[in-house]
C-alpha atoms as a PDB file:
ATOM      1  CA  MET A   1      10.237 -29.543 -43.498  1.00  0.00           C
ATOM      2  CA  LYS A   2      10.461 -29.466 -39.730  1.00  0.00           C
ATOM      3  CA  ARG A   3      13.935 -29.925 -38.271  1.00  0.00           C
ATOM      4  CA  ILE A   4      14.663 -31.863 -35.088  1.00  0.00           C
ATOM      5  CA  SER A   5      17.776 -32.474 -33.054  1.00  0.00           C
ATOM      6  CA  PRO A   6      20.239 -35.057 -34.420  1.00  0.00           C
ATOM      7  CA  SER A   7      18.708 -38.195 -32.986  1.00  0.00           C
ATOM      8  CA  PRO A   8      17.865 -41.472 -34.788  1.00  0.00           C
ATOM      9  CA  VAL A   9      14.696 -41.562 -36.839  1.00  0.00           C
ATOM     10  CA  TYR A  10      13.425 -45.125 -36.795  1.00  0.00           C
ATOM     11  CA  LEU A  11      11.712 -46.081 -39.997  1.00  0.00           C
ATOM     12  CA  GLN A  12       9.090 -48.768 -40.217  1.00  0.00           C
ATOM     13  CA  ASN A  13       9.000 -50.969 -43.324  1.00  0.00           C
ATOM     14  CA  MET A  14      12.597 -50.229 -44.246  1.00  0.00           C
ATOM     15  CA  ALA A  15      12.159 -52.721 -47.093  1.00  0.00           C
ATOM     16  CA  MET A  16      10.355 -49.884 -48.874  1.00  0.00           C
ATOM     17  CA  ASN A  17       7.357 -50.934 -50.919  1.00  0.00           C
ATOM     18  CA  LEU A  18       7.812 -49.224 -54.255  1.00  0.00           C
ATOM     19  CA  ASP A  19       4.611 -47.494 -55.282  1.00  0.00           C
ATOM     20  CA  ASP A  20       3.019 -47.402 -58.732  1.00  0.00           C
ATOM     21  CA  VAL A  21       4.830 -44.217 -59.731  1.00  0.00           C
ATOM     22  CA  ASP A  22       8.218 -45.693 -58.809  1.00  0.00           C
ATOM     23  CA  ARG A  23       7.490 -48.835 -60.820  1.00  0.00           C
ATOM     24  CA  LYS A  24       6.273 -46.876 -63.836  1.00  0.00           C
ATOM     25  CA  ILE A  25       9.425 -44.762 -63.814  1.00  0.00           C
ATOM     26  CA  LEU A  26      11.638 -47.834 -63.522  1.00  0.00           C
ATOM     27  CA  ARG A  27       9.823 -49.635 -66.330  1.00  0.00           C
ATOM     28  CA  GLU A  28      10.280 -46.618 -68.603  1.00  0.00           C
ATOM     29  CA  LEU A  29      13.978 -46.481 -67.779  1.00  0.00           C
ATOM     30  CA  GLN A  30      14.355 -50.210 -68.393  1.00  0.00           C
ATOM     31  CA  ARG A  31      12.703 -49.800 -71.784  1.00  0.00           C
ATOM     32  CA  ASP A  32      14.799 -46.791 -72.717  1.00  0.00           C
ATOM     33  CA  GLY A  33      17.642 -45.659 -70.502  1.00  0.00           C
ATOM     34  CA  ARG A  34      18.071 -42.569 -72.704  1.00  0.00           C
ATOM     35  CA  ALA A  35      14.574 -41.262 -71.998  1.00  0.00           C
ATOM     36  CA  SER A  36      14.545 -37.790 -70.464  1.00  0.00           C
ATOM     37  CA  PHE A  37      12.662 -37.054 -67.268  1.00  0.00           C
ATOM     38  CA  ARG A  38      10.302 -34.894 -69.291  1.00  0.00           C
ATOM     39  CA  ASP A  39       9.539 -37.764 -71.684  1.00  0.00           C
ATOM     40  CA  ILE A  40       8.936 -40.134 -68.791  1.00  0.00           C
ATOM     41  CA  SER A  41       6.682 -37.644 -66.997  1.00  0.00           C
ATOM     42  CA  SER A  42       4.488 -37.252 -70.082  1.00  0.00           C
ATOM     43  CA  ARG A  43       4.202 -41.021 -70.525  1.00  0.00           C
ATOM     44  CA  ILE A  44       3.165 -41.783 -66.942  1.00  0.00           C
ATOM     45  CA  ASP A  45       1.256 -38.535 -66.288  1.00  0.00           C
ATOM     46  CA  VAL A  46       3.271 -37.066 -63.409  1.00  0.00           C
ATOM     47  CA  SER A  47       5.341 -33.893 -63.193  1.00  0.00           C
ATOM     48  CA  THR A  48       8.948 -33.742 -64.359  1.00  0.00           C
ATOM     49  CA  PRO A  49      10.194 -32.722 -60.871  1.00  0.00           C
ATOM     50  CA  THR A  50       8.450 -35.792 -59.453  1.00  0.00           C
ATOM     51  CA  VAL A  51      10.310 -38.055 -61.877  1.00  0.00           C
ATOM     52  CA  SER A  52      13.589 -36.299 -61.128  1.00  0.00           C
ATOM     53  CA  SER A  53      13.237 -36.562 -57.342  1.00  0.00           C
ATOM     54  CA  ARG A  54      12.074 -40.184 -57.476  1.00  0.00           C
ATOM     55  CA  VAL A  55      14.988 -41.198 -59.704  1.00  0.00           C
ATOM     56  CA  GLN A  56      17.495 -39.376 -57.500  1.00  0.00           C
ATOM     57  CA  ALA A  57      16.114 -41.080 -54.395  1.00  0.00           C
ATOM     58  CA  MET A  58      16.432 -44.500 -56.041  1.00  0.00           C
ATOM     59  CA  VAL A  59      19.979 -43.660 -57.135  1.00  0.00           C
ATOM     60  CA  ASP A  60      20.867 -42.582 -53.596  1.00  0.00           C
ATOM     61  CA  VAL A  61      19.763 -45.894 -52.048  1.00  0.00           C
ATOM     62  CA  GLY A  62      21.508 -47.892 -54.778  1.00  0.00           C
ATOM     63  CA  LEU A  63      18.464 -49.327 -56.546  1.00  0.00           C
ATOM     64  CA  ILE A  64      19.444 -47.610 -59.803  1.00  0.00           C
ATOM     65  CA  ARG A  65      23.079 -48.576 -60.236  1.00  0.00           C
ATOM     66  CA  GLY A  66      23.740 -46.769 -63.488  1.00  0.00           C
ATOM     67  CA  TYR A  67      22.924 -46.534 -67.165  1.00  0.00           C
ATOM     68  CA  SER A  68      24.642 -48.445 -69.943  1.00  0.00           C
ATOM     69  CA  THR A  69      24.344 -49.424 -73.599  1.00  0.00           C
ATOM     70  CA  LEU A  70      23.689 -53.088 -74.424  1.00  0.00           C
ATOM     71  CA  LEU A  71      25.879 -54.406 -77.233  1.00  0.00           C
ATOM     72  CA  ASP A  72      25.382 -57.539 -79.314  1.00  0.00           C
ATOM     73  CA  ALA A  73      28.359 -59.814 -78.583  1.00  0.00           C
ATOM     74  CA  GLU A  74      27.767 -61.950 -81.681  1.00  0.00           C
ATOM     75  CA  MET A  75      27.748 -58.933 -83.988  1.00  0.00           C
ATOM     76  CA  LEU A  76      31.076 -57.947 -82.485  1.00  0.00           C
ATOM     77  CA  GLY A  77      32.402 -61.386 -83.330  1.00  0.00           C
ATOM     78  CA  GLN A  78      32.783 -62.487 -79.737  1.00  0.00           C
ATOM     79  CA  VAL A  79      32.567 -66.066 -78.493  1.00  0.00           C
ATOM     80  CA  SER A  80      30.801 -66.638 -75.176  1.00  0.00           C
ATOM     81  CA  VAL A  81      31.568 -69.423 -72.712  1.00  0.00           C
ATOM     82  CA  ALA A  82      29.894 -70.498 -69.463  1.00  0.00           C
ATOM     83  CA  LEU A  83      32.598 -71.466 -66.978  1.00  0.00           C
ATOM     84  CA  LEU A  84      31.887 -73.309 -63.712  1.00  0.00           C
ATOM     85  CA  ILE A  85      34.550 -73.059 -61.031  1.00  0.00           C
ATOM     86  CA  GLU A  86      34.465 -75.167 -57.885  1.00  0.00           C
ATOM     87  CA  ALA A  87      36.176 -74.242 -54.636  1.00  0.00           C
ATOM     88  CA  LYS A  88      35.808 -74.693 -50.899  1.00  0.00           C
ATOM     89  CA  PRO A  89      33.130 -72.426 -49.389  1.00  0.00           C
ATOM     90  CA  SER A  90      35.813 -70.567 -47.427  1.00  0.00           C
ATOM     91  CA  ASP A  91      37.779 -69.902 -50.629  1.00  0.00           C
ATOM     92  CA  LEU A  92      34.996 -68.590 -52.879  1.00  0.00           C
ATOM     93  CA  ASP A  93      35.664 -64.931 -52.107  1.00  0.00           C
ATOM     94  CA  LYS A  94      39.387 -65.382 -52.766  1.00  0.00           C
ATOM     95  CA  VAL A  95      38.657 -66.862 -56.181  1.00  0.00           C
ATOM     96  CA  VAL A  96      36.227 -64.063 -57.024  1.00  0.00           C
ATOM     97  CA  GLU A  97      38.837 -61.445 -56.098  1.00  0.00           C
ATOM     98  CA  LYS A  98      41.336 -63.063 -58.455  1.00  0.00           C
ATOM     99  CA  ILE A  99      39.047 -63.151 -61.500  1.00  0.00           C
ATOM    100  CA  LYS A 100      36.608 -60.244 -61.157  1.00  0.00           C
ATOM    101  CA  ASP A 101      38.860 -57.669 -62.841  1.00  0.00           C
ATOM    102  CA  GLU A 102      39.669 -59.832 -65.857  1.00  0.00           C
ATOM    103  CA  GLU A 103      38.270 -58.244 -69.023  1.00  0.00           C
ATOM    104  CA  ILE A 104      37.318 -61.649 -70.406  1.00  0.00           C
ATOM    105  CA  VAL A 105      34.996 -62.230 -67.413  1.00  0.00           C
ATOM    106  CA  ARG A 106      31.689 -60.458 -68.033  1.00  0.00           C
ATOM    107  CA  GLN A 107      29.473 -61.870 -65.279  1.00  0.00           C
ATOM    108  CA  ILE A 108      30.122 -63.732 -62.024  1.00  0.00           C
ATOM    109  CA  TYR A 109      27.555 -65.618 -59.939  1.00  0.00           C
ATOM    110  CA  VAL A 110      28.445 -67.295 -56.640  1.00  0.00           C
ATOM    111  CA  LEU A 111      26.232 -70.372 -56.337  1.00  0.00           C
ATOM    112  CA  SER A 112      24.937 -72.207 -53.274  1.00  0.00           C
ATOM    113  CA  ASP A 113      26.872 -75.404 -53.979  1.00  0.00           C
ATOM    114  CA  SER A 114      30.388 -73.945 -53.575  1.00  0.00           C
ATOM    115  CA  ARG A 115      30.660 -73.134 -57.252  1.00  0.00           C
ATOM    116  CA  ILE A 116      31.118 -69.947 -59.234  1.00  0.00           C
ATOM    117  CA  LEU A 117      29.420 -69.429 -62.587  1.00  0.00           C
ATOM    118  CA  CYS A 118      31.240 -67.079 -64.931  1.00  0.00           C
ATOM    119  CA  ILE A 119      30.127 -65.850 -68.317  1.00  0.00           C
ATOM    120  CA  LEU A 120      33.132 -65.161 -70.506  1.00  0.00           C
ATOM    121  CA  ALA A 121      33.275 -63.277 -73.802  1.00  0.00           C
ATOM    122  CA  PHE A 122      36.353 -63.016 -76.022  1.00  0.00           C
ATOM    123  CA  TYR A 123      37.622 -62.566 -79.573  1.00  0.00           C
ATOM    124  CA  ASN A 124      40.934 -64.324 -79.288  1.00  0.00           C
ATOM    125  CA  GLN A 125      41.119 -68.057 -78.552  1.00  0.00           C
ATOM    126  CA  VAL A 126      44.707 -67.649 -77.381  1.00  0.00           C
ATOM    127  CA  LYS A 127      43.625 -65.140 -74.732  1.00  0.00           C
ATOM    128  CA  TYR A 128      40.944 -67.589 -73.582  1.00  0.00           C
ATOM    129  CA  GLN A 129      43.446 -70.435 -73.273  1.00  0.00           C
ATOM    130  CA  ARG A 130      45.847 -68.218 -71.331  1.00  0.00           C
ATOM    131  CA  PHE A 131      43.037 -67.292 -68.962  1.00  0.00           C
ATOM    132  CA  LEU A 132      42.246 -70.976 -68.327  1.00  0.00           C
ATOM    133  CA  GLU A 133      45.931 -71.677 -67.752  1.00  0.00           C
ATOM    134  CA  SER A 134      46.099 -68.857 -65.207  1.00  0.00           C
ATOM    135  CA  LEU A 135      43.104 -70.327 -63.384  1.00  0.00           C
ATOM    136  CA  ALA A 136      44.858 -73.697 -63.216  1.00  0.00           C
ATOM    137  CA  GLN A 137      47.533 -72.000 -61.106  1.00  0.00           C
ATOM    138  CA  VAL A 138      45.025 -70.736 -58.515  1.00  0.00           C
ATOM    139  CA  PRO A 139      45.346 -73.144 -55.540  1.00  0.00           C
ATOM    140  CA  GLU A 140      41.851 -72.386 -54.195  1.00  0.00           C
ATOM    141  CA  ILE A 141      40.195 -73.764 -57.355  1.00  0.00           C
ATOM    142  CA  THR A 142      39.491 -77.489 -57.067  1.00  0.00           C
ATOM    143  CA  SER A 143      37.891 -78.084 -60.466  1.00  0.00           C
ATOM    144  CA  MET A 144      36.576 -76.320 -63.567  1.00  0.00           C
ATOM    145  CA  ASP A 145      34.127 -77.096 -66.336  1.00  0.00           C
ATOM    146  CA  ASN A 146      33.222 -75.002 -69.373  1.00  0.00           C
ATOM    147  CA  SER A 147      30.751 -75.016 -72.249  1.00  0.00           C
ATOM    148  CA  MET A 148      30.506 -72.766 -75.256  1.00  0.00           C
ATOM    149  CA  VAL A 149      27.324 -70.712 -75.570  1.00  0.00           C
ATOM    150  CA  MET A 150      25.735 -71.690 -78.903  1.00  0.00           C
ATOM    151  CA  ARG A 151      22.609 -69.513 -78.822  1.00  0.00           C
ATOM    152  CA  VAL A 152      21.013 -66.953 -76.526  1.00  0.00           C
ATOM    153  CA  PRO A 153      17.213 -67.277 -76.958  1.00  0.00           C
ATOM    154  CA  LYS A 154      16.624 -64.801 -74.124  1.00  0.00           C
ATOM    155  CA  GLU A 155      18.818 -62.221 -72.441  1.00  0.00           C
ATOM    156  CA  SER A 156      17.072 -59.868 -70.036  1.00  0.00           C
ATOM    157  CA  PRO A 157      18.272 -57.787 -67.080  1.00  0.00           C
ATOM    158  CA  ARG A 158      18.468 -59.931 -63.942  1.00  0.00           C
ATOM    159  CA  ALA A 159      16.372 -57.456 -61.942  1.00  0.00           C
ATOM    160  CA  SER A 160      12.726 -58.312 -62.608  1.00  0.00           C
ATOM    161  CA  LEU A 161      10.352 -55.495 -61.732  1.00  0.00           C
ATOM    162  CA  THR A 162       7.085 -56.961 -60.427  1.00  0.00           C
ATOM    163  CA  ASP A 163       4.180 -55.526 -58.460  1.00  0.00           C
ATOM    164  CA  GLU A 164       5.479 -57.320 -55.362  1.00  0.00           C
ATOM    165  CA  ALA A 165       8.987 -55.880 -55.672  1.00  0.00           C
ATOM    166  CA  GLY A 166      10.277 -54.069 -52.612  1.00  0.00           C
ATOM    167  CA  LEU A 167      13.587 -52.454 -51.786  1.00  0.00           C
ATOM    168  CA  MET A 168      16.009 -54.019 -49.317  1.00  0.00           C
ATOM    169  CA  ILE A 169      18.573 -51.515 -48.093  1.00  0.00           C
ATOM    170  CA  ARG A 170      21.976 -52.445 -46.694  1.00  0.00           C
ATOM    171  CA  CYS A 171      23.336 -50.588 -43.703  1.00  0.00           C
ATOM    172  CA  TYR A 172      25.932 -48.079 -44.889  1.00  0.00           C
ATOM    173  CA  TYR A 173      28.172 -48.980 -41.942  1.00  0.00           C
ATOM    174  CA  CYS A 174      27.993 -52.739 -41.314  1.00  0.00           C
ATOM    175  CA  GLY A 175      26.348 -53.925 -44.538  1.00  0.00           C
ATOM    176  CA  HIS A 176      23.479 -55.646 -42.701  1.00  0.00           C
ATOM    177  CA  MET A 177      20.324 -55.988 -44.791  1.00  0.00           C
ATOM    178  CA  MET A 178      17.540 -53.951 -43.190  1.00  0.00           C
ATOM    179  CA  LYS A 179      14.132 -55.636 -43.344  1.00  0.00           C
ATOM    180  CA  ASP A 180      12.051 -54.152 -40.551  1.00  0.00           C
ATOM    181  CA  GLU A 181      13.410 -50.888 -39.227  1.00  0.00           C
ATOM    182  CA  GLY A 182      16.443 -48.679 -39.489  1.00  0.00           C
ATOM    183  CA  VAL A 183      17.829 -45.178 -39.177  1.00  0.00           C
ATOM    184  CA  LYS A 184      17.909 -42.605 -41.961  1.00  0.00           C
ATOM    185  CA  ILE A 185      20.030 -39.487 -41.554  1.00  0.00           C
ATOM    186  CA  LYS A 186      20.814 -36.628 -43.895  1.00  0.00           C
ATOM    187  CA  LEU A 187      24.425 -35.456 -44.110  1.00  0.00           C
ATOM    188  CA  ASP A 188      25.535 -32.724 -46.480  1.00  0.00           C
ATOM    189  CA  GLY A 189      22.315 -32.984 -48.426  1.00  0.00           C
ATOM    190  CA  LYS A 190      22.444 -36.749 -48.958  1.00  0.00           C
ATOM    191  CA  TYR A 191      20.563 -39.536 -47.160  1.00  0.00           C
ATOM    192  CA  HIS A 192      22.482 -42.272 -45.367  1.00  0.00           C
ATOM    193  CA  TYR A 193      20.853 -45.488 -44.124  1.00  0.00           C
ATOM    194  CA  LEU A 194      21.916 -47.336 -40.971  1.00  0.00           C
ATOM    195  CA  CYS A 195      20.459 -50.439 -39.352  1.00  0.00           C
ATOM    196  CA  CYS A 196      20.572 -49.253 -35.719  1.00  0.00           C
ATOM    197  CA  SER A 197      21.558 -46.429 -33.408  1.00  0.00           C
ATOM    198  CA  VAL A 198      24.968 -48.026 -32.766  1.00  0.00           C
ATOM    199  CA  CYS A 199      25.832 -48.060 -36.464  1.00  0.00           C
ATOM    200  CA  GLU A 200      24.483 -44.534 -36.752  1.00  0.00           C
ATOM    201  CA  ARG A 201      26.872 -43.312 -34.045  1.00  0.00           C
ATOM    202  CA  LEU A 202      29.868 -45.172 -35.505  1.00  0.00           C
ATOM    203  CA  TYR A 203      29.010 -43.987 -39.005  1.00  0.00           C
ATOM    204  CA  ARG A 204      28.816 -40.363 -37.862  1.00  0.00           C
ATOM    205  CA  GLU A 205      32.218 -40.719 -36.173  1.00  0.00           C
ATOM    206  CA  LYS A 206      33.714 -42.237 -39.321  1.00  0.00           C
ATOM    207  CA  TYR A 207      32.085 -39.567 -41.482  1.00  0.00           C
ATOM    208  CA  GLU A 208      33.537 -36.806 -39.326  1.00  0.00           C
ATOM    209  CA  LYS A 209      37.029 -38.345 -39.386  1.00  0.00           C
ATOM    210  CA  LEU A 210      36.923 -38.601 -43.179  1.00  0.00           C
ATOM    211  CA  LYS A 211      35.931 -34.964 -43.448  1.00  0.00           C
ATOM    212  CA  LYS A 212      38.752 -33.961 -41.101  1.00  0.00           C
ATOM    213  CA  SER A 213      41.289 -35.937 -43.108  1.00  0.00           C
ATOM    214  CA  ALA A 214      40.033 -34.263 -46.274  1.00  0.00           C
ATOM    215  CA  GLY A 215      40.435 -30.856 -44.655  1.00  0.00           C
ATOM    216  CA  THR A 216      36.835 -29.903 -45.287  1.00  0.00           C
ATOM    217  CA  LEU A 217      35.369 -30.344 -41.840  1.00  0.00           C
ATOM    218  CA  ARG A 218      32.079 -28.552 -41.326  1.00  0.00           C
ATOM    219  CA  PRO A 219      29.570 -28.963 -38.489  1.00  0.00           C
ATOM    220  CA  LEU A 220      27.420 -32.007 -39.125  1.00  0.00           C
ATOM    221  CA  PRO A 221      23.963 -30.902 -40.246  1.00  0.00           C
ATOM    222  CA  THR A 222      20.937 -31.644 -38.157  1.00  0.00           C
ATOM    223  CA  VAL A 223      18.831 -34.634 -39.060  1.00  0.00           C
ATOM    224  CA  GLN A 224      15.566 -33.772 -40.676  1.00  0.00           C
ATOM    225  CA  SER A 225      12.382 -35.479 -39.572  1.00  0.00           C
ATOM    226  CA  GLU A 226      11.433 -38.154 -42.033  1.00  0.00           C
ATOM    227  CA  HIS A 227       8.434 -40.104 -43.147  1.00  0.00           C
ATOM    228  CA  PRO A 228       8.808 -43.860 -43.733  1.00  0.00           C
ATOM    229  CA  VAL A 229      11.162 -44.677 -46.583  1.00  0.00           C
ATOM    230  CA  ALA A 230       8.231 -45.716 -48.744  1.00  0.00           C
ATOM    231  CA  ASN A 231       7.310 -42.058 -48.918  1.00  0.00           C
ATOM    232  CA  SER A 232      10.821 -40.675 -49.200  1.00  0.00           C
ATOM    233  CA  THR A 233      10.827 -40.726 -52.975  1.00  0.00           C
ATOM    234  CA  HIS A 234       7.890 -38.313 -53.243  1.00  0.00           C
END
């Protein structure tokens, strides 16, 4: 691959339209997260290295967040509760910070109407009551409502993989969602995505400072020329 001097590479269509191969790989992984790259390659008729590189690229940009085993809460004897918490819009993040690390809280959704939906799962009713009592002491919470989950007719991953699905990438420096164009640089063998040349410069400075503080400073590698992100997973 041709190397160029370390200058920004502006990428059109930063939203990245996943191609058919990407979608096939993701569908196979959603069906069976234990499937090997070789198994997936034989099922979708592409090479094993292609599957490996595509998966790594999707891991690098954060689309694939990890692999886990789904357990049946009812078979474990757990009770599930949907809890609605209401707070002022300015206090929502404070409330989330106070509850997100609680083991009883399994899922948190911040809603558009200044409410937070939590899915709780627990074995011990006493622990549940203590959790509610602790929430009553949080000044940012204005009201709460809860209902026990009686049945779960459907429980699927929230990410729905459709033919129209694209990939929205957040700037690694400012967190801005990139929709049209951005900068992709390669540092120490890994891609980093920035929304503009300003963030790219600040990110490089921060990256260099972190390396200095770690005592492993090496010259920053040159930026490789890139194709649009849609092709980066090839």
